[in-house]
mmCIF file of all heavy atoms, coordinates in Angstrom:
data_MODEL
# 
_entry.id   MODEL 
# 
loop_
_atom_site.group_PDB 
_atom_site.id 
_atom_site.type_symbol 
_atom_site.label_atom_id 
_atom_site.label_alt_id 
_atom_site.label_comp_id 
_atom_site.label_asym_id 
_atom_site.label_entity_id 
_atom_site.label_seq_id 
_atom_site.pdbx_PDB_ins_code 
_atom_site.Cartn_x 
_atom_site.Cartn_y 
_atom_site.Cartn_z 
_atom_site.occupancy 
_atom_site.B_iso_or_equiv 
_atom_site.pdbx_formal_charge 
_atom_site.auth_seq_id 
_atom_site.auth_comp_id 
_atom_site.auth_asym_id 
_atom_site.auth_atom_id 
_atom_site.pdbx_PDB_model_num 
ATOM 1   N N   . VAL A 1 1  ? -104.772 35.967 -52.908 1.00 0.00 ? 1  VAL A N   1 
ATOM 2   C CA  . VAL A 1 1  ? -104.417 37.023 -52.011 1.00 0.00 ? 1  VAL A CA  1 
ATOM 3   C C   . VAL A 1 1  ? -105.542 38.096 -51.913 1.00 0.00 ? 1  VAL A C   1 
ATOM 4   O O   . VAL A 1 1  ? -105.514 38.937 -52.787 1.00 0.00 ? 1  VAL A O   1 
ATOM 5   C CB  . VAL A 1 1  ? -103.027 37.644 -52.355 1.00 0.00 ? 1  VAL A CB  1 
ATOM 6   C CG1 . VAL A 1 1  ? -102.670 38.740 -51.381 1.00 0.00 ? 1  VAL A CG1 1 
ATOM 7   C CG2 . VAL A 1 1  ? -101.920 36.678 -52.555 1.00 0.00 ? 1  VAL A CG2 1 
ATOM 8   N N   . PRO A 1 2  ? -106.465 37.859 -51.081 1.00 0.00 ? 2  PRO A N   1 
ATOM 9   C CA  . PRO A 1 2  ? -107.655 38.673 -51.147 1.00 0.00 ? 2  PRO A CA  1 
ATOM 10  C C   . PRO A 1 2  ? -107.564 40.133 -50.824 1.00 0.00 ? 2  PRO A C   1 
ATOM 11  O O   . PRO A 1 2  ? -108.287 41.069 -51.235 1.00 0.00 ? 2  PRO A O   1 
ATOM 12  C CB  . PRO A 1 2  ? -108.606 37.952 -50.110 1.00 0.00 ? 2  PRO A CB  1 
ATOM 13  C CG  . PRO A 1 2  ? -107.788 37.128 -49.349 1.00 0.00 ? 2  PRO A CG  1 
ATOM 14  C CD  . PRO A 1 2  ? -106.618 36.765 -50.092 1.00 0.00 ? 2  PRO A CD  1 
ATOM 15  N N   . ASN A 1 3  ? -106.470 40.475 -50.112 1.00 0.00 ? 3  ASN A N   1 
ATOM 16  C CA  . ASN A 1 3  ? -106.174 41.899 -49.777 1.00 0.00 ? 3  ASN A CA  1 
ATOM 17  C C   . ASN A 1 3  ? -105.464 42.533 -50.924 1.00 0.00 ? 3  ASN A C   1 
ATOM 18  O O   . ASN A 1 3  ? -104.359 42.249 -51.259 1.00 0.00 ? 3  ASN A O   1 
ATOM 19  C CB  . ASN A 1 3  ? -105.368 41.998 -48.490 1.00 0.00 ? 3  ASN A CB  1 
ATOM 20  C CG  . ASN A 1 3  ? -105.108 43.456 -48.025 1.00 0.00 ? 3  ASN A CG  1 
ATOM 21  O OD1 . ASN A 1 3  ? -104.947 44.298 -48.827 1.00 0.00 ? 3  ASN A OD1 1 
ATOM 22  N ND2 . ASN A 1 3  ? -105.131 43.620 -46.804 1.00 0.00 ? 3  ASN A ND2 1 
ATOM 23  N N   . PRO A 1 4  ? -106.124 43.618 -51.605 1.00 0.00 ? 4  PRO A N   1 
ATOM 24  C CA  . PRO A 1 4  ? -105.510 44.141 -52.813 1.00 0.00 ? 4  PRO A CA  1 
ATOM 25  C C   . PRO A 1 4  ? -104.158 44.860 -52.505 1.00 0.00 ? 4  PRO A C   1 
ATOM 26  O O   . PRO A 1 4  ? -103.278 44.824 -53.358 1.00 0.00 ? 4  PRO A O   1 
ATOM 27  C CB  . PRO A 1 4  ? -106.522 45.225 -53.247 1.00 0.00 ? 4  PRO A CB  1 
ATOM 28  C CG  . PRO A 1 4  ? -107.686 45.179 -52.312 1.00 0.00 ? 4  PRO A CG  1 
ATOM 29  C CD  . PRO A 1 4  ? -107.483 44.190 -51.310 1.00 0.00 ? 4  PRO A CD  1 
ATOM 30  N N   . ASN A 1 5  ? -104.018 45.478 -51.302 1.00 0.00 ? 5  ASN A N   1 
ATOM 31  C CA  . ASN A 1 5  ? -102.670 46.148 -50.954 1.00 0.00 ? 5  ASN A CA  1 
ATOM 32  C C   . ASN A 1 5  ? -101.601 45.032 -50.880 1.00 0.00 ? 5  ASN A C   1 
ATOM 33  O O   . ASN A 1 5  ? -100.480 45.232 -51.369 1.00 0.00 ? 5  ASN A O   1 
ATOM 34  C CB  . ASN A 1 5  ? -102.839 46.803 -49.667 1.00 0.00 ? 5  ASN A CB  1 
ATOM 35  C CG  . ASN A 1 5  ? -103.644 48.061 -49.788 1.00 0.00 ? 5  ASN A CG  1 
ATOM 36  O OD1 . ASN A 1 5  ? -103.778 48.698 -50.864 1.00 0.00 ? 5  ASN A OD1 1 
ATOM 37  N ND2 . ASN A 1 5  ? -104.409 48.314 -48.784 1.00 0.00 ? 5  ASN A ND2 1 
ATOM 38  N N   . VAL A 1 6  ? -101.938 43.835 -50.293 1.00 0.00 ? 6  VAL A N   1 
ATOM 39  C CA  . VAL A 1 6  ? -100.971 42.874 -50.130 1.00 0.00 ? 6  VAL A CA  1 
ATOM 40  C C   . VAL A 1 6  ? -100.624 42.224 -51.520 1.00 0.00 ? 6  VAL A C   1 
ATOM 41  O O   . VAL A 1 6  ? -99.448  41.956 -51.877 1.00 0.00 ? 6  VAL A O   1 
ATOM 42  C CB  . VAL A 1 6  ? -101.378 41.714 -49.214 1.00 0.00 ? 6  VAL A CB  1 
ATOM 43  C CG1 . VAL A 1 6  ? -100.448 40.525 -49.101 1.00 0.00 ? 6  VAL A CG1 1 
ATOM 44  C CG2 . VAL A 1 6  ? -101.539 42.285 -47.698 1.00 0.00 ? 6  VAL A CG2 1 
ATOM 45  N N   . LEU A 1 7  ? -101.597 42.047 -52.336 1.00 0.00 ? 7  LEU A N   1 
ATOM 46  C CA  . LEU A 1 7  ? -101.431 41.601 -53.660 1.00 0.00 ? 7  LEU A CA  1 
ATOM 47  C C   . LEU A 1 7  ? -100.523 42.464 -54.554 1.00 0.00 ? 7  LEU A C   1 
ATOM 48  O O   . LEU A 1 7  ? -99.535  41.988 -55.067 1.00 0.00 ? 7  LEU A O   1 
ATOM 49  C CB  . LEU A 1 7  ? -102.785 41.399 -54.428 1.00 0.00 ? 7  LEU A CB  1 
ATOM 50  C CG  . LEU A 1 7  ? -102.762 40.902 -55.854 1.00 0.00 ? 7  LEU A CG  1 
ATOM 51  C CD1 . LEU A 1 7  ? -102.060 39.572 -55.973 1.00 0.00 ? 7  LEU A CD1 1 
ATOM 52  C CD2 . LEU A 1 7  ? -104.099 40.879 -56.498 1.00 0.00 ? 7  LEU A CD2 1 
ATOM 53  N N   . ILE A 1 8  ? -100.736 43.789 -54.506 1.00 0.00 ? 8  ILE A N   1 
ATOM 54  C CA  . ILE A 1 8  ? -99.918  44.752 -55.222 1.00 0.00 ? 8  ILE A CA  1 
ATOM 55  C C   . ILE A 1 8  ? -98.485  44.667 -54.702 1.00 0.00 ? 8  ILE A C   1 
ATOM 56  O O   . ILE A 1 8  ? -97.543  44.634 -55.531 1.00 0.00 ? 8  ILE A O   1 
ATOM 57  C CB  . ILE A 1 8  ? -100.483 46.131 -55.010 1.00 0.00 ? 8  ILE A CB  1 
ATOM 58  C CG1 . ILE A 1 8  ? -101.779 46.245 -55.855 1.00 0.00 ? 8  ILE A CG1 1 
ATOM 59  C CG2 . ILE A 1 8  ? -99.528  47.148 -55.539 1.00 0.00 ? 8  ILE A CG2 1 
ATOM 60  C CD1 . ILE A 1 8  ? -102.644 47.518 -55.553 1.00 0.00 ? 8  ILE A CD1 1 
ATOM 61  N N   . ASN A 1 9  ? -98.373  44.648 -53.363 1.00 0.00 ? 9  ASN A N   1 
ATOM 62  C CA  . ASN A 1 9  ? -96.959  44.611 -52.807 1.00 0.00 ? 9  ASN A CA  1 
ATOM 63  C C   . ASN A 1 9  ? -96.179  43.292 -53.198 1.00 0.00 ? 9  ASN A C   1 
ATOM 64  O O   . ASN A 1 9  ? -95.010  43.378 -53.507 1.00 0.00 ? 9  ASN A O   1 
ATOM 65  C CB  . ASN A 1 9  ? -97.013  44.816 -51.295 1.00 0.00 ? 9  ASN A CB  1 
ATOM 66  C CG  . ASN A 1 9  ? -97.355  46.236 -50.940 1.00 0.00 ? 9  ASN A CG  1 
ATOM 67  O OD1 . ASN A 1 9  ? -97.128  47.203 -51.689 1.00 0.00 ? 9  ASN A OD1 1 
ATOM 68  N ND2 . ASN A 1 9  ? -97.909  46.413 -49.703 1.00 0.00 ? 9  ASN A ND2 1 
ATOM 69  N N   . THR A 1 10 ? -96.985  42.198 -53.145 1.00 0.00 ? 10 THR A N   1 
ATOM 70  C CA  . THR A 1 10 ? -96.362  40.964 -53.476 1.00 0.00 ? 10 THR A CA  1 
ATOM 71  C C   . THR A 1 10 ? -95.867  40.905 -55.042 1.00 0.00 ? 10 THR A C   1 
ATOM 72  O O   . THR A 1 10 ? -94.765  40.556 -55.309 1.00 0.00 ? 10 THR A O   1 
ATOM 73  C CB  . THR A 1 10 ? -97.326  39.829 -53.254 1.00 0.00 ? 10 THR A CB  1 
ATOM 74  O OG1 . THR A 1 10 ? -97.769  39.869 -51.859 1.00 0.00 ? 10 THR A OG1 1 
ATOM 75  C CG2 . THR A 1 10 ? -96.653  38.448 -53.536 1.00 0.00 ? 10 THR A CG2 1 
ATOM 76  N N   . ILE A 1 11 ? -96.863  41.323 -55.896 1.00 0.00 ? 11 ILE A N   1 
ATOM 77  C CA  . ILE A 1 11 ? -96.463  41.337 -57.301 1.00 0.00 ? 11 ILE A CA  1 
ATOM 78  C C   . ILE A 1 11 ? -95.335  42.351 -57.531 1.00 0.00 ? 11 ILE A C   1 
ATOM 79  O O   . ILE A 1 11 ? -94.432  42.055 -58.368 1.00 0.00 ? 11 ILE A O   1 
ATOM 80  C CB  . ILE A 1 11 ? -97.721  41.613 -58.071 1.00 0.00 ? 11 ILE A CB  1 
ATOM 81  C CG1 . ILE A 1 11 ? -98.721  40.414 -57.940 1.00 0.00 ? 11 ILE A CG1 1 
ATOM 82  C CG2 . ILE A 1 11 ? -97.351  41.735 -59.536 1.00 0.00 ? 11 ILE A CG2 1 
ATOM 83  C CD1 . ILE A 1 11 ? -98.300  39.034 -58.335 1.00 0.00 ? 11 ILE A CD1 1 
ATOM 84  N N   . SER A 1 12 ? -95.452  43.506 -56.995 1.00 0.00 ? 12 SER A N   1 
ATOM 85  C CA  . SER A 1 12 ? -94.433  44.573 -57.152 1.00 0.00 ? 12 SER A CA  1 
ATOM 86  C C   . SER A 1 12 ? -92.982  44.128 -56.751 1.00 0.00 ? 12 SER A C   1 
ATOM 87  O O   . SER A 1 12 ? -92.090  44.340 -57.543 1.00 0.00 ? 12 SER A O   1 
ATOM 88  C CB  . SER A 1 12 ? -94.720  45.789 -56.408 1.00 0.00 ? 12 SER A CB  1 
ATOM 89  O OG  . SER A 1 12 ? -95.928  46.339 -56.951 1.00 0.00 ? 12 SER A OG  1 
ATOM 90  N N   . ARG A 1 13 ? -93.027  43.291 -55.691 1.00 0.00 ? 13 ARG A N   1 
ATOM 91  C CA  . ARG A 1 13 ? -91.733  42.820 -55.199 1.00 0.00 ? 13 ARG A CA  1 
ATOM 92  C C   . ARG A 1 13 ? -91.164  41.765 -56.143 1.00 0.00 ? 13 ARG A C   1 
ATOM 93  O O   . ARG A 1 13 ? -89.997  41.831 -56.498 1.00 0.00 ? 13 ARG A O   1 
ATOM 94  C CB  . ARG A 1 13 ? -91.786  42.242 -53.815 1.00 0.00 ? 13 ARG A CB  1 
ATOM 95  C CG  . ARG A 1 13 ? -90.482  41.747 -53.318 1.00 0.00 ? 13 ARG A CG  1 
ATOM 96  C CD  . ARG A 1 13 ? -90.620  41.186 -51.857 1.00 0.00 ? 13 ARG A CD  1 
ATOM 97  N NE  . ARG A 1 13 ? -90.631  42.440 -51.039 1.00 0.00 ? 13 ARG A NE  1 
ATOM 98  C CZ  . ARG A 1 13 ? -90.714  42.486 -49.767 1.00 0.00 ? 13 ARG A CZ  1 
ATOM 99  N NH1 . ARG A 1 13 ? -90.877  41.407 -49.016 1.00 0.00 ? 13 ARG A NH1 1 
ATOM 100 N NH2 . ARG A 1 13 ? -90.769  43.658 -49.100 1.00 0.00 ? 13 ARG A NH2 1 
ATOM 101 N N   . ARG A 1 14 ? -91.979  40.962 -56.702 1.00 0.00 ? 14 ARG A N   1 
ATOM 102 C CA  . ARG A 1 14 ? -91.608  39.905 -57.622 1.00 0.00 ? 14 ARG A CA  1 
ATOM 103 C C   . ARG A 1 14 ? -91.106  40.576 -58.916 1.00 0.00 ? 14 ARG A C   1 
ATOM 104 O O   . ARG A 1 14 ? -90.279  40.115 -59.514 1.00 0.00 ? 14 ARG A O   1 
ATOM 105 C CB  . ARG A 1 14 ? -92.680  38.928 -57.854 1.00 0.00 ? 14 ARG A CB  1 
ATOM 106 C CG  . ARG A 1 14 ? -92.262  37.798 -58.622 1.00 0.00 ? 14 ARG A CG  1 
ATOM 107 C CD  . ARG A 1 14 ? -91.145  37.008 -58.110 1.00 0.00 ? 14 ARG A CD  1 
ATOM 108 N NE  . ARG A 1 14 ? -90.673  35.909 -59.038 1.00 0.00 ? 14 ARG A NE  1 
ATOM 109 C CZ  . ARG A 1 14 ? -89.422  35.552 -59.155 1.00 0.00 ? 14 ARG A CZ  1 
ATOM 110 N NH1 . ARG A 1 14 ? -88.454  36.072 -58.548 1.00 0.00 ? 14 ARG A NH1 1 
ATOM 111 N NH2 . ARG A 1 14 ? -89.265  34.571 -60.071 1.00 0.00 ? 14 ARG A NH2 1 
ATOM 112 N N   . VAL A 1 15 ? -91.809  41.598 -59.389 1.00 0.00 ? 15 VAL A N   1 
ATOM 113 C CA  . VAL A 1 15 ? -91.463  42.294 -60.583 1.00 0.00 ? 15 VAL A CA  1 
ATOM 114 C C   . VAL A 1 15 ? -90.134  42.906 -60.456 1.00 0.00 ? 15 VAL A C   1 
ATOM 115 O O   . VAL A 1 15 ? -89.289  42.779 -61.347 1.00 0.00 ? 15 VAL A O   1 
ATOM 116 C CB  . VAL A 1 15 ? -92.512  43.323 -60.951 1.00 0.00 ? 15 VAL A CB  1 
ATOM 117 C CG1 . VAL A 1 15 ? -92.021  44.323 -62.033 1.00 0.00 ? 15 VAL A CG1 1 
ATOM 118 C CG2 . VAL A 1 15 ? -93.865  42.714 -61.417 1.00 0.00 ? 15 VAL A CG2 1 
ATOM 119 N N   . ARG A 1 16 ? -89.798  43.430 -59.286 1.00 0.00 ? 16 ARG A N   1 
ATOM 120 C CA  . ARG A 1 16 ? -88.425  44.005 -59.029 1.00 0.00 ? 16 ARG A CA  1 
ATOM 121 C C   . ARG A 1 16 ? -87.462  42.936 -59.151 1.00 0.00 ? 16 ARG A C   1 
ATOM 122 O O   . ARG A 1 16 ? -86.355  43.151 -59.657 1.00 0.00 ? 16 ARG A O   1 
ATOM 123 C CB  . ARG A 1 16 ? -88.450  44.763 -57.737 1.00 0.00 ? 16 ARG A CB  1 
ATOM 124 C CG  . ARG A 1 16 ? -89.015  46.208 -57.735 1.00 0.00 ? 16 ARG A CG  1 
ATOM 125 C CD  . ARG A 1 16 ? -88.783  46.971 -56.508 1.00 0.00 ? 16 ARG A CD  1 
ATOM 126 N NE  . ARG A 1 16 ? -89.166  46.273 -55.335 1.00 0.00 ? 16 ARG A NE  1 
ATOM 127 C CZ  . ARG A 1 16 ? -90.390  46.531 -54.830 1.00 0.00 ? 16 ARG A CZ  1 
ATOM 128 N NH1 . ARG A 1 16 ? -91.330  47.331 -55.423 1.00 0.00 ? 16 ARG A NH1 1 
ATOM 129 N NH2 . ARG A 1 16 ? -90.680  45.911 -53.629 1.00 0.00 ? 16 ARG A NH2 1 
ATOM 130 N N   . GLN A 1 17 ? -87.704  41.695 -58.567 1.00 0.00 ? 17 GLN A N   1 
ATOM 131 C CA  . GLN A 1 17 ? -86.779  40.619 -58.579 1.00 0.00 ? 17 GLN A CA  1 
ATOM 132 C C   . GLN A 1 17 ? -86.534  40.134 -59.962 1.00 0.00 ? 17 GLN A C   1 
ATOM 133 O O   . GLN A 1 17 ? -85.422  39.981 -60.385 1.00 0.00 ? 17 GLN A O   1 
ATOM 134 C CB  . GLN A 1 17 ? -87.195  39.456 -57.754 1.00 0.00 ? 17 GLN A CB  1 
ATOM 135 C CG  . GLN A 1 17 ? -87.250  39.681 -56.294 1.00 0.00 ? 17 GLN A CG  1 
ATOM 136 C CD  . GLN A 1 17 ? -87.901  38.528 -55.431 1.00 0.00 ? 17 GLN A CD  1 
ATOM 137 O OE1 . GLN A 1 17 ? -88.601  37.687 -56.099 1.00 0.00 ? 17 GLN A OE1 1 
ATOM 138 N NE2 . GLN A 1 17 ? -87.624  38.447 -54.195 1.00 0.00 ? 17 GLN A NE2 1 
ATOM 139 N N   . LEU A 1 18 ? -87.703  40.011 -60.820 1.00 0.00 ? 18 LEU A N   1 
ATOM 140 C CA  . LEU A 1 18 ? -87.506  39.680 -62.128 1.00 0.00 ? 18 LEU A CA  1 
ATOM 141 C C   . LEU A 1 18 ? -86.716  40.717 -63.007 1.00 0.00 ? 18 LEU A C   1 
ATOM 142 O O   . LEU A 1 18 ? -86.056  40.305 -63.947 1.00 0.00 ? 18 LEU A O   1 
ATOM 143 C CB  . LEU A 1 18 ? -88.851  39.341 -62.837 1.00 0.00 ? 18 LEU A CB  1 
ATOM 144 C CG  . LEU A 1 18 ? -89.564  38.096 -62.219 1.00 0.00 ? 18 LEU A CG  1 
ATOM 145 C CD1 . LEU A 1 18 ? -91.033  38.068 -62.690 1.00 0.00 ? 18 LEU A CD1 1 
ATOM 146 C CD2 . LEU A 1 18 ? -88.869  36.810 -62.628 1.00 0.00 ? 18 LEU A CD2 1 
ATOM 147 N N   . SER A 1 19 ? -86.867  41.986 -62.685 1.00 0.00 ? 19 SER A N   1 
ATOM 148 C CA  . SER A 1 19 ? -86.249  43.013 -63.501 1.00 0.00 ? 19 SER A CA  1 
ATOM 149 C C   . SER A 1 19 ? -84.747  43.154 -63.170 1.00 0.00 ? 19 SER A C   1 
ATOM 150 O O   . SER A 1 19 ? -84.084  43.715 -63.901 1.00 0.00 ? 19 SER A O   1 
ATOM 151 C CB  . SER A 1 19 ? -86.986  44.288 -63.145 1.00 0.00 ? 19 SER A CB  1 
ATOM 152 O OG  . SER A 1 19 ? -88.238  44.220 -63.634 1.00 0.00 ? 19 SER A OG  1 
ATOM 153 N N   . ALA A 1 20 ? -84.308  42.638 -62.041 1.00 0.00 ? 20 ALA A N   1 
ATOM 154 C CA  . ALA A 1 20 ? -82.988  42.767 -61.551 1.00 0.00 ? 20 ALA A CA  1 
ATOM 155 C C   . ALA A 1 20 ? -81.906  42.127 -62.446 1.00 0.00 ? 20 ALA A C   1 
ATOM 156 O O   . ALA A 1 20 ? -80.863  42.763 -62.700 1.00 0.00 ? 20 ALA A O   1 
ATOM 157 C CB  . ALA A 1 20 ? -82.841  42.161 -60.153 1.00 0.00 ? 20 ALA A CB  1 
ATOM 158 N N   . GLY A 1 21 ? -82.279  41.055 -63.152 1.00 0.00 ? 21 GLY A N   1 
ATOM 159 C CA  . GLY A 1 21 ? -81.417  40.463 -64.223 1.00 0.00 ? 21 GLY A CA  1 
ATOM 160 C C   . GLY A 1 21 ? -80.176  39.731 -63.599 1.00 0.00 ? 21 GLY A C   1 
ATOM 161 O O   . GLY A 1 21 ? -79.230  39.454 -64.444 1.00 0.00 ? 21 GLY A O   1 
ATOM 162 N N   . GLY A 1 22 ? -80.131  39.452 -62.419 1.00 0.00 ? 22 GLY A N   1 
ATOM 163 C CA  . GLY A 1 22 ? -79.041  38.611 -61.960 1.00 0.00 ? 22 GLY A CA  1 
ATOM 164 C C   . GLY A 1 22 ? -79.290  37.148 -62.096 1.00 0.00 ? 22 GLY A C   1 
ATOM 165 O O   . GLY A 1 22 ? -79.693  36.758 -63.158 1.00 0.00 ? 22 GLY A O   1 
ATOM 166 N N   . GLY A 1 23 ? -79.051  36.436 -61.112 1.00 0.00 ? 23 GLY A N   1 
ATOM 167 C CA  . GLY A 1 23 ? -79.276  35.021 -61.120 1.00 0.00 ? 23 GLY A CA  1 
ATOM 168 C C   . GLY A 1 23 ? -80.422  34.547 -60.150 1.00 0.00 ? 23 GLY A C   1 
ATOM 169 O O   . GLY A 1 23 ? -81.186  35.537 -59.792 1.00 0.00 ? 23 GLY A O   1 
ATOM 170 N N   . GLY A 1 24 ? -80.555  33.355 -59.895 1.00 0.00 ? 24 GLY A N   1 
ATOM 171 C CA  . GLY A 1 24 ? -81.451  32.890 -58.886 1.00 0.00 ? 24 GLY A CA  1 
ATOM 172 C C   . GLY A 1 24 ? -82.860  33.471 -58.935 1.00 0.00 ? 24 GLY A C   1 
ATOM 173 O O   . GLY A 1 24 ? -83.632  32.971 -59.727 1.00 0.00 ? 24 GLY A O   1 
ATOM 174 N N   . SER A 1 25 ? -83.188  34.387 -58.066 1.00 0.00 ? 25 SER A N   1 
ATOM 175 C CA  . SER A 1 25 ? -84.584  34.848 -58.001 1.00 0.00 ? 25 SER A CA  1 
ATOM 176 C C   . SER A 1 25 ? -85.013  35.768 -59.191 1.00 0.00 ? 25 SER A C   1 
ATOM 177 O O   . SER A 1 25 ? -86.212  36.040 -59.225 1.00 0.00 ? 25 SER A O   1 
ATOM 178 C CB  . SER A 1 25 ? -84.714  35.732 -56.620 1.00 0.00 ? 25 SER A CB  1 
ATOM 179 O OG  . SER A 1 25 ? -83.938  36.804 -56.612 1.00 0.00 ? 25 SER A OG  1 
ATOM 180 N N   . SER A 1 26 ? -84.147  36.062 -60.034 1.00 0.00 ? 26 SER A N   1 
ATOM 181 C CA  . SER A 1 26 ? -84.456  36.903 -61.142 1.00 0.00 ? 26 SER A CA  1 
ATOM 182 C C   . SER A 1 26 ? -84.971  36.109 -62.369 1.00 0.00 ? 26 SER A C   1 
ATOM 183 O O   . SER A 1 26 ? -85.196  36.670 -63.421 1.00 0.00 ? 26 SER A O   1 
ATOM 184 C CB  . SER A 1 26 ? -83.379  37.893 -61.563 1.00 0.00 ? 26 SER A CB  1 
ATOM 185 O OG  . SER A 1 26 ? -82.236  37.134 -62.098 1.00 0.00 ? 26 SER A OG  1 
ATOM 186 N N   . ARG A 1 27 ? -84.943  34.833 -62.167 1.00 0.00 ? 27 ARG A N   1 
ATOM 187 C CA  . ARG A 1 27 ? -85.344  33.844 -63.347 1.00 0.00 ? 27 ARG A CA  1 
ATOM 188 C C   . ARG A 1 27 ? -86.809  33.606 -63.015 1.00 0.00 ? 27 ARG A C   1 
ATOM 189 O O   . ARG A 1 27 ? -87.191  33.345 -61.979 1.00 0.00 ? 27 ARG A O   1 
ATOM 190 C CB  . ARG A 1 27 ? -84.594  32.663 -63.357 1.00 0.00 ? 27 ARG A CB  1 
ATOM 191 C CG  . ARG A 1 27 ? -83.094  32.913 -63.704 1.00 0.00 ? 27 ARG A CG  1 
ATOM 192 C CD  . ARG A 1 27 ? -82.416  31.549 -63.952 1.00 0.00 ? 27 ARG A CD  1 
ATOM 193 N NE  . ARG A 1 27 ? -81.004  31.867 -64.216 1.00 0.00 ? 27 ARG A NE  1 
ATOM 194 C CZ  . ARG A 1 27 ? -79.924  31.184 -63.694 1.00 0.00 ? 27 ARG A CZ  1 
ATOM 195 N NH1 . ARG A 1 27 ? -80.212  30.245 -62.794 1.00 0.00 ? 27 ARG A NH1 1 
ATOM 196 N NH2 . ARG A 1 27 ? -78.799  31.483 -63.958 1.00 0.00 ? 27 ARG A NH2 1 
# 
């Protein structure tokens, strides 16, 4: 992901999913 803004947003969104602690996308 060469655009740093897109990279940050992509990783941030995934970190939020992983932090949610539910099922499915949080694993």
